[in-house]
Structure formats: C-alpha cells, structure tokens
Amino acid sequence: MQIIKPSEVKEFPLFGKVNGRIISSSDRMMFLLVELPPKGVVPEHSHPHEQMGLCLKGRAEFRSEKERAIVEEGMFYWVKPSEKHCVVSLTDKPCAFLDVFSPPREDYLEKAKKTIGQG
C-alpha cells in the first residue's frame, strides 16, 4: 500500500503555466494532478493513452474535434486514445483536475524525473 499527500509530490510543467504532479504511477495506470492557472489553456494534443478524470476545482471547457462540453467541480470526463482535445479554463481562479492515464504517460514520467533531478 502507498499513501501520498499531493503537497509532497513535486510539480513539473506540462504546457506553459499548466503544471502537473504524478501522484502515483504503476505498470498499468497513472494518477496525475493537473493545475490550470486562471484562464489557463491546455493546447490541442492527442496521445495513445486512455484518459479519464475528475474536476476537483473550477470550471473549464473541454474541446475535441467533434464536441465541446463544460466540466465543473465534481464532474467526470473520458478522452479516447488518440482523440485530439484541449482544455480552456473559464474562471479567474485556478482549476484542478485528477487525470488517470492507462497506460502511464512515459513523457510525463520523464518530465517529472528531470524536474526532480533539478530540485
């Protein structure tokens, strides 16, 4: 068993001023805390990983090639593998999301490792 406090996990940049913290990662899944600044944007991107998540704080618009949806605190979302998507904060306050990836994002593991090495 592993117990982790998010405040004890070092953050690293994901996209511009959007930061992430890998809360936990195993062979098959990753929990990532994503923090968007006020009016922050996660630019359009895609990845081969399945992504599910929960909005912990704030309000944002999730966009894909086929749809747009407002996601607020307490709402869940799912992004299919390889689906192009972006996220735009709709508030003047920070937003927080718990993303779950399967399999784990190798690129984020590498970014986190580099950040820890600099700390």
N, C-alpha and C. Protein backbone atom coordinates (compact mmCIF):
# COMPACT_ATOMS: atom_id res chain seq x y z
N MET A 1 0.85 -1.18 0.00
CA MET A 1 0.00 0.00 0.00
C MET A 1 0.89 1.23 0.00
N GLN A 2 0.38 2.30 -0.60
CA GLN A 2 1.12 3.55 -0.67
C GLN A 2 0.15 4.69 -0.35
N ILE A 3 0.55 5.57 0.55
CA ILE A 3 -0.25 6.74 0.91
C ILE A 3 0.57 7.98 0.53
N ILE A 4 -0.05 8.89 -0.22
CA ILE A 4 0.69 10.04 -0.74
C ILE A 4 -0.11 11.32 -0.53
N LYS A 5 0.56 12.36 -0.05
CA LYS A 5 -0.03 13.69 0.04
C LYS A 5 0.41 14.47 -1.20
N PRO A 6 -0.53 15.05 -1.94
CA PRO A 6 -0.15 15.80 -3.15
C PRO A 6 0.91 16.88 -2.86
N SER A 7 0.85 17.49 -1.70
CA SER A 7 1.81 18.56 -1.38
C SER A 7 3.24 18.03 -1.27
N GLU A 8 3.40 16.72 -1.11
CA GLU A 8 4.73 16.13 -1.00
C GLU A 8 5.30 15.71 -2.36
N VAL A 9 4.52 15.87 -3.42
CA VAL A 9 4.94 15.46 -4.75
C VAL A 9 5.32 16.71 -5.54
N LYS A 10 6.51 16.71 -6.11
CA LYS A 10 7.00 17.88 -6.84
C LYS A 10 6.23 18.10 -8.14
N GLU A 11 5.88 19.35 -8.41
CA GLU A 11 5.17 19.66 -9.66
C GLU A 11 6.17 19.89 -10.78
N PHE A 12 5.69 19.73 -12.00
CA PHE A 12 6.50 19.97 -13.18
C PHE A 12 5.61 20.57 -14.26
N PRO A 13 6.19 21.33 -15.20
CA PRO A 13 5.38 21.97 -16.24
C PRO A 13 4.89 20.95 -17.27
N LEU A 14 3.59 21.06 -17.60
CA LEU A 14 3.01 20.22 -18.65
C LEU A 14 2.92 20.99 -19.95
N PHE A 15 2.26 22.16 -19.89
CA PHE A 15 2.07 23.03 -21.05
C PHE A 15 2.15 24.46 -20.55
N GLY A 16 3.17 25.22 -20.88
CA GLY A 16 3.26 26.61 -20.42
C GLY A 16 3.17 26.71 -18.91
N LYS A 17 2.13 27.41 -18.44
CA LYS A 17 1.95 27.60 -17.00
C LYS A 17 1.05 26.53 -16.37
N VAL A 18 0.67 25.53 -17.15
CA VAL A 18 -0.12 24.41 -16.64
C VAL A 18 0.85 23.40 -16.03
N ASN A 19 0.65 23.07 -14.75
CA ASN A 19 1.55 22.17 -14.04
C ASN A 19 0.88 20.85 -13.70
N GLY A 20 1.70 19.85 -13.49
CA GLY A 20 1.20 18.54 -13.09
C GLY A 20 2.02 17.96 -11.95
N ARG A 21 1.42 17.02 -11.26
CA ARG A 21 2.08 16.25 -10.21
C ARG A 21 1.67 14.80 -10.40
N ILE A 22 2.65 13.92 -10.56
CA ILE A 22 2.33 12.49 -10.65
C ILE A 22 2.11 12.02 -9.22
N ILE A 23 0.86 11.74 -8.90
CA ILE A 23 0.50 11.29 -7.56
C ILE A 23 0.94 9.85 -7.37
N SER A 24 0.69 9.03 -8.39
CA SER A 24 1.11 7.63 -8.32
C SER A 24 1.13 7.08 -9.74
N SER A 25 2.04 6.14 -9.98
CA SER A 25 2.12 5.51 -11.28
C SER A 25 2.56 4.06 -11.10
N SER A 26 1.86 3.16 -11.78
CA SER A 26 2.20 1.74 -11.74
C SER A 26 2.48 1.29 -13.17
N ASP A 27 2.54 0.00 -13.38
CA ASP A 27 2.77 -0.52 -14.73
C ASP A 27 1.60 -0.25 -15.67
N ARG A 28 0.39 -0.11 -15.11
CA ARG A 28 -0.80 -0.02 -15.96
C ARG A 28 -1.57 1.29 -15.89
N MET A 29 -1.34 2.10 -14.85
CA MET A 29 -2.09 3.36 -14.78
C MET A 29 -1.31 4.43 -14.03
N MET A 30 -1.72 5.67 -14.27
CA MET A 30 -1.08 6.83 -13.65
C MET A 30 -2.16 7.78 -13.15
N PHE A 31 -1.97 8.30 -11.94
CA PHE A 31 -2.80 9.38 -11.41
C PHE A 31 -1.98 10.66 -11.50
N LEU A 32 -2.53 11.66 -12.18
CA LEU A 32 -1.84 12.93 -12.39
C LEU A 32 -2.74 14.06 -11.92
N LEU A 33 -2.26 14.89 -11.02
CA LEU A 33 -2.97 16.09 -10.59
C LEU A 33 -2.56 17.21 -11.53
N VAL A 34 -3.52 17.80 -12.24
CA VAL A 34 -3.27 18.88 -13.20
C VAL A 34 -3.81 20.17 -12.63
N GLU A 35 -2.97 21.22 -12.64
CA GLU A 35 -3.36 22.52 -12.10
C GLU A 35 -3.28 23.57 -13.20
N LEU A 36 -4.45 24.11 -13.56
CA LEU A 36 -4.53 25.16 -14.57
C LEU A 36 -4.58 26.51 -13.87
N PRO A 37 -3.79 27.49 -14.32
CA PRO A 37 -3.90 28.83 -13.75
C PRO A 37 -5.20 29.48 -14.21
N PRO A 38 -5.59 30.59 -13.61
CA PRO A 38 -6.79 31.29 -14.07
C PRO A 38 -6.72 31.56 -15.58
N LYS A 39 -7.80 31.24 -16.26
CA LYS A 39 -7.90 31.40 -17.72
C LYS A 39 -6.83 30.61 -18.47
N GLY A 40 -6.29 29.56 -17.85
CA GLY A 40 -5.24 28.74 -18.45
C GLY A 40 -5.76 27.86 -19.57
N VAL A 41 -4.85 27.41 -20.41
CA VAL A 41 -5.20 26.59 -21.57
C VAL A 41 -4.25 25.40 -21.68
N VAL A 42 -4.83 24.24 -21.88
CA VAL A 42 -4.07 23.06 -22.30
C VAL A 42 -4.28 23.00 -23.81
N PRO A 43 -3.23 23.25 -24.60
CA PRO A 43 -3.41 23.30 -26.06
C PRO A 43 -3.83 21.96 -26.64
N GLU A 44 -4.38 22.01 -27.84
CA GLU A 44 -4.83 20.79 -28.50
C GLU A 44 -3.67 19.81 -28.63
N HIS A 45 -3.97 18.57 -28.29
CA HIS A 45 -2.97 17.50 -28.37
C HIS A 45 -3.70 16.16 -28.40
N SER A 46 -2.96 15.11 -28.61
CA SER A 46 -3.51 13.75 -28.52
C SER A 46 -2.41 12.84 -28.01
N HIS A 47 -2.81 11.68 -27.55
CA HIS A 47 -1.86 10.69 -27.04
C HIS A 47 -2.52 9.32 -27.16
N PRO A 48 -1.71 8.27 -27.21
CA PRO A 48 -2.28 6.93 -27.38
C PRO A 48 -2.89 6.35 -26.10
N HIS A 49 -2.83 7.11 -25.02
CA HIS A 49 -3.30 6.64 -23.72
C HIS A 49 -4.80 6.93 -23.55
N GLU A 50 -5.49 6.02 -22.88
CA GLU A 50 -6.85 6.30 -22.46
C GLU A 50 -6.77 7.26 -21.28
N GLN A 51 -7.68 8.24 -21.21
CA GLN A 51 -7.65 9.24 -20.15
C GLN A 51 -9.05 9.40 -19.56
N MET A 52 -9.11 9.29 -18.26
CA MET A 52 -10.34 9.59 -17.52
C MET A 52 -9.98 10.57 -16.43
N GLY A 53 -10.96 11.32 -15.95
CA GLY A 53 -10.62 12.28 -14.92
C GLY A 53 -11.82 12.82 -14.18
N LEU A 54 -11.48 13.63 -13.20
CA LEU A 54 -12.45 14.27 -12.31
C LEU A 54 -12.03 15.71 -12.10
N CYS A 55 -12.97 16.63 -12.28
CA CYS A 55 -12.71 18.04 -11.98
C CYS A 55 -12.81 18.23 -10.47
N LEU A 56 -11.69 18.60 -9.86
CA LEU A 56 -11.65 18.81 -8.41
C LEU A 56 -12.01 20.23 -8.02
N LYS A 57 -11.68 21.18 -8.92
CA LYS A 57 -11.91 22.59 -8.60
C LYS A 57 -11.99 23.38 -9.89
N GLY A 58 -12.93 24.31 -9.97
CA GLY A 58 -13.00 25.21 -11.11
C GLY A 58 -14.03 24.80 -12.15
N ARG A 59 -13.88 25.39 -13.33
CA ARG A 59 -14.81 25.20 -14.44
C ARG A 59 -14.02 25.39 -15.74
N ALA A 60 -14.16 24.47 -16.66
CA ALA A 60 -13.40 24.55 -17.91
C ALA A 60 -14.21 23.98 -19.05
N GLU A 61 -13.83 24.39 -20.26
CA GLU A 61 -14.44 23.83 -21.46
C GLU A 61 -13.47 22.80 -22.04
N PHE A 62 -13.96 21.59 -22.23
CA PHE A 62 -13.20 20.54 -22.88
C PHE A 62 -13.65 20.51 -24.33
N ARG A 63 -12.68 20.51 -25.26
CA ARG A 63 -12.99 20.54 -26.68
C ARG A 63 -12.31 19.38 -27.38
N SER A 64 -13.04 18.76 -28.28
CA SER A 64 -12.47 17.76 -29.17
C SER A 64 -12.83 18.18 -30.59
N GLU A 65 -12.46 17.37 -31.55
CA GLU A 65 -12.80 17.70 -32.94
C GLU A 65 -14.30 17.66 -33.18
N LYS A 66 -15.03 16.89 -32.36
CA LYS A 66 -16.46 16.70 -32.61
C LYS A 66 -17.38 17.36 -31.59
N GLU A 67 -16.85 17.75 -30.43
CA GLU A 67 -17.75 18.31 -29.43
C GLU A 67 -17.04 19.24 -28.45
N ARG A 68 -17.87 19.98 -27.73
CA ARG A 68 -17.42 20.86 -26.65
C ARG A 68 -18.32 20.60 -25.45
N ALA A 69 -17.72 20.63 -24.26
CA ALA A 69 -18.52 20.39 -23.06
C ALA A 69 -17.93 21.18 -21.90
N ILE A 70 -18.80 21.71 -21.07
CA ILE A 70 -18.38 22.40 -19.85
C ILE A 70 -18.23 21.35 -18.75
N VAL A 71 -17.09 21.37 -18.09
CA VAL A 71 -16.81 20.45 -16.99
C VAL A 71 -16.59 21.29 -15.74
N GLU A 72 -17.37 20.96 -14.69
CA GLU A 72 -17.30 21.71 -13.43
C GLU A 72 -16.92 20.76 -12.29
N GLU A 73 -16.62 21.37 -11.15
CA GLU A 73 -16.25 20.62 -9.97
C GLU A 73 -17.20 19.44 -9.72
N GLY A 74 -16.62 18.26 -9.54
CA GLY A 74 -17.39 17.06 -9.27
C GLY A 74 -17.78 16.27 -10.50
N MET A 75 -17.51 16.80 -11.70
CA MET A 75 -17.86 16.10 -12.93
C MET A 75 -16.70 15.24 -13.42
N PHE A 76 -17.04 14.13 -14.07
CA PHE A 76 -16.06 13.21 -14.64
C PHE A 76 -15.98 13.39 -16.14
N TYR A 77 -14.87 12.96 -16.74
CA TYR A 77 -14.71 13.02 -18.19
C TYR A 77 -13.87 11.84 -18.65
N TRP A 78 -13.97 11.55 -19.94
CA TRP A 78 -13.23 10.46 -20.56
C TRP A 78 -12.78 10.93 -21.93
N VAL A 79 -11.51 10.70 -22.24
CA VAL A 79 -10.93 11.03 -23.54
C VAL A 79 -10.41 9.73 -24.14
N LYS A 80 -10.90 9.41 -25.32
CA LYS A 80 -10.48 8.18 -26.00
C LYS A 80 -9.02 8.27 -26.42
N PRO A 81 -8.34 7.14 -26.54
CA PRO A 81 -6.97 7.15 -27.05
C PRO A 81 -6.91 7.80 -28.43
N SER A 82 -5.91 8.63 -28.63
CA SER A 82 -5.62 9.33 -29.89
C SER A 82 -6.65 10.40 -30.27
N GLU A 83 -7.61 10.70 -29.41
CA GLU A 83 -8.59 11.76 -29.68
C GLU A 83 -7.94 13.13 -29.44
N LYS A 84 -7.98 14.00 -30.43
CA LYS A 84 -7.45 15.36 -30.25
C LYS A 84 -8.37 16.11 -29.30
N HIS A 85 -7.77 16.81 -28.33
CA HIS A 85 -8.56 17.54 -27.35
C HIS A 85 -7.75 18.69 -26.75
N CYS A 86 -8.46 19.65 -26.18
CA CYS A 86 -7.84 20.76 -25.45
C CYS A 86 -8.77 21.15 -24.31
N VAL A 87 -8.23 21.93 -23.37
CA VAL A 87 -9.00 22.37 -22.21
C VAL A 87 -8.75 23.86 -22.01
N VAL A 88 -9.83 24.61 -21.79
CA VAL A 88 -9.73 26.05 -21.58
C VAL A 88 -10.44 26.39 -20.27
N SER A 89 -9.69 26.96 -19.33
CA SER A 89 -10.29 27.38 -18.05
C SER A 89 -11.26 28.51 -18.29
N LEU A 90 -12.38 28.47 -17.60
CA LEU A 90 -13.41 29.51 -17.74
C LEU A 90 -13.51 30.38 -16.49
N THR A 91 -12.54 30.30 -15.59
CA THR A 91 -12.64 31.04 -14.34
C THR A 91 -11.41 31.92 -14.12
N ASP A 92 -11.57 32.86 -13.21
CA ASP A 92 -10.47 33.73 -12.80
C ASP A 92 -9.71 33.15 -11.63
N LYS A 93 -9.99 31.88 -11.31
CA LYS A 93 -9.32 31.19 -10.22
C LYS A 93 -8.68 29.92 -10.78
N PRO A 94 -7.70 29.36 -10.07
CA PRO A 94 -7.08 28.12 -10.56
C PRO A 94 -8.09 26.97 -10.64
N CYS A 95 -7.84 26.06 -11.56
CA CYS A 95 -8.63 24.84 -11.71
C CYS A 95 -7.73 23.65 -11.37
N ALA A 96 -8.33 22.57 -10.91
CA ALA A 96 -7.58 21.36 -10.61
C ALA A 96 -8.35 20.14 -11.10
N PHE A 97 -7.62 19.22 -11.71
CA PHE A 97 -8.20 18.00 -12.26
C PHE A 97 -7.36 16.81 -11.85
N LEU A 98 -8.00 15.70 -11.59
CA LEU A 98 -7.29 14.45 -11.37
C LEU A 98 -7.45 13.62 -12.63
N ASP A 99 -6.36 13.45 -13.38
CA ASP A 99 -6.37 12.65 -14.60
C ASP A 99 -5.83 11.27 -14.29
N VAL A 100 -6.43 10.28 -14.92
CA VAL A 100 -5.98 8.89 -14.81
C VAL A 100 -5.66 8.43 -16.22
N PHE A 101 -4.44 7.96 -16.44
CA PHE A 101 -4.00 7.51 -17.75
C PHE A 101 -3.69 6.02 -17.71
N SER A 102 -4.07 5.33 -18.80
CA SER A 102 -3.71 3.94 -18.95
C SER A 102 -3.33 3.71 -20.40
N PRO A 103 -2.11 3.22 -20.65
CA PRO A 103 -1.03 3.03 -19.69
C PRO A 103 -0.47 4.38 -19.23
N PRO A 104 0.46 4.37 -18.28
CA PRO A 104 1.05 5.64 -17.81
C PRO A 104 1.69 6.43 -18.95
N ARG A 105 1.69 7.75 -18.80
CA ARG A 105 2.31 8.64 -19.78
C ARG A 105 3.83 8.64 -19.58
N GLU A 106 4.55 8.01 -20.49
CA GLU A 106 6.01 7.94 -20.39
C GLU A 106 6.64 9.33 -20.46
N ASP A 107 6.05 10.22 -21.29
CA ASP A 107 6.59 11.57 -21.42
C ASP A 107 6.48 12.33 -20.11
N TYR A 108 5.40 12.14 -19.36
CA TYR A 108 5.25 12.82 -18.07
C TYR A 108 6.18 12.23 -17.02
N LEU A 109 6.37 10.93 -17.05
CA LEU A 109 7.32 10.31 -16.13
C LEU A 109 8.72 10.88 -16.35
N GLU A 110 9.09 11.07 -17.62
CA GLU A 110 10.41 11.63 -17.95
C GLU A 110 10.51 13.09 -17.51
N LYS A 111 9.47 13.89 -17.77
CA LYS A 111 9.48 15.30 -17.33
C LYS A 111 9.60 15.39 -15.81
N ALA A 112 8.86 14.56 -15.11
CA ALA A 112 8.90 14.57 -13.64
C ALA A 112 10.29 14.19 -13.15
N LYS A 113 10.90 13.20 -13.78
CA LYS A 113 12.24 12.75 -13.38
C LYS A 113 13.26 13.88 -13.56
N LYS A 114 13.17 14.59 -14.70
CA LYS A 114 14.09 15.71 -14.96
C LYS A 114 13.89 16.83 -13.95
N THR A 115 12.64 17.11 -13.59
CA THR A 115 12.34 18.17 -12.62
C THR A 115 12.90 17.81 -11.25
N ILE A 116 12.72 16.55 -10.83
CA ILE A 116 13.24 16.11 -9.54
C ILE A 116 14.76 16.22 -9.53
N GLY A 117 15.40 15.89 -10.66
CA GLY A 117 16.85 15.99 -10.76
C GLY A 117 17.37 17.40 -10.61
N GLN A 118 16.53 18.40 -10.98
CA GLN A 118 16.91 19.80 -10.86
C GLN A 118 16.66 20.34 -9.47
N GLY A 119 15.81 19.65 -8.68
CA GLY A 119 15.41 20.13 -7.36
C GLY A 119 16.44 19.86 -6.39
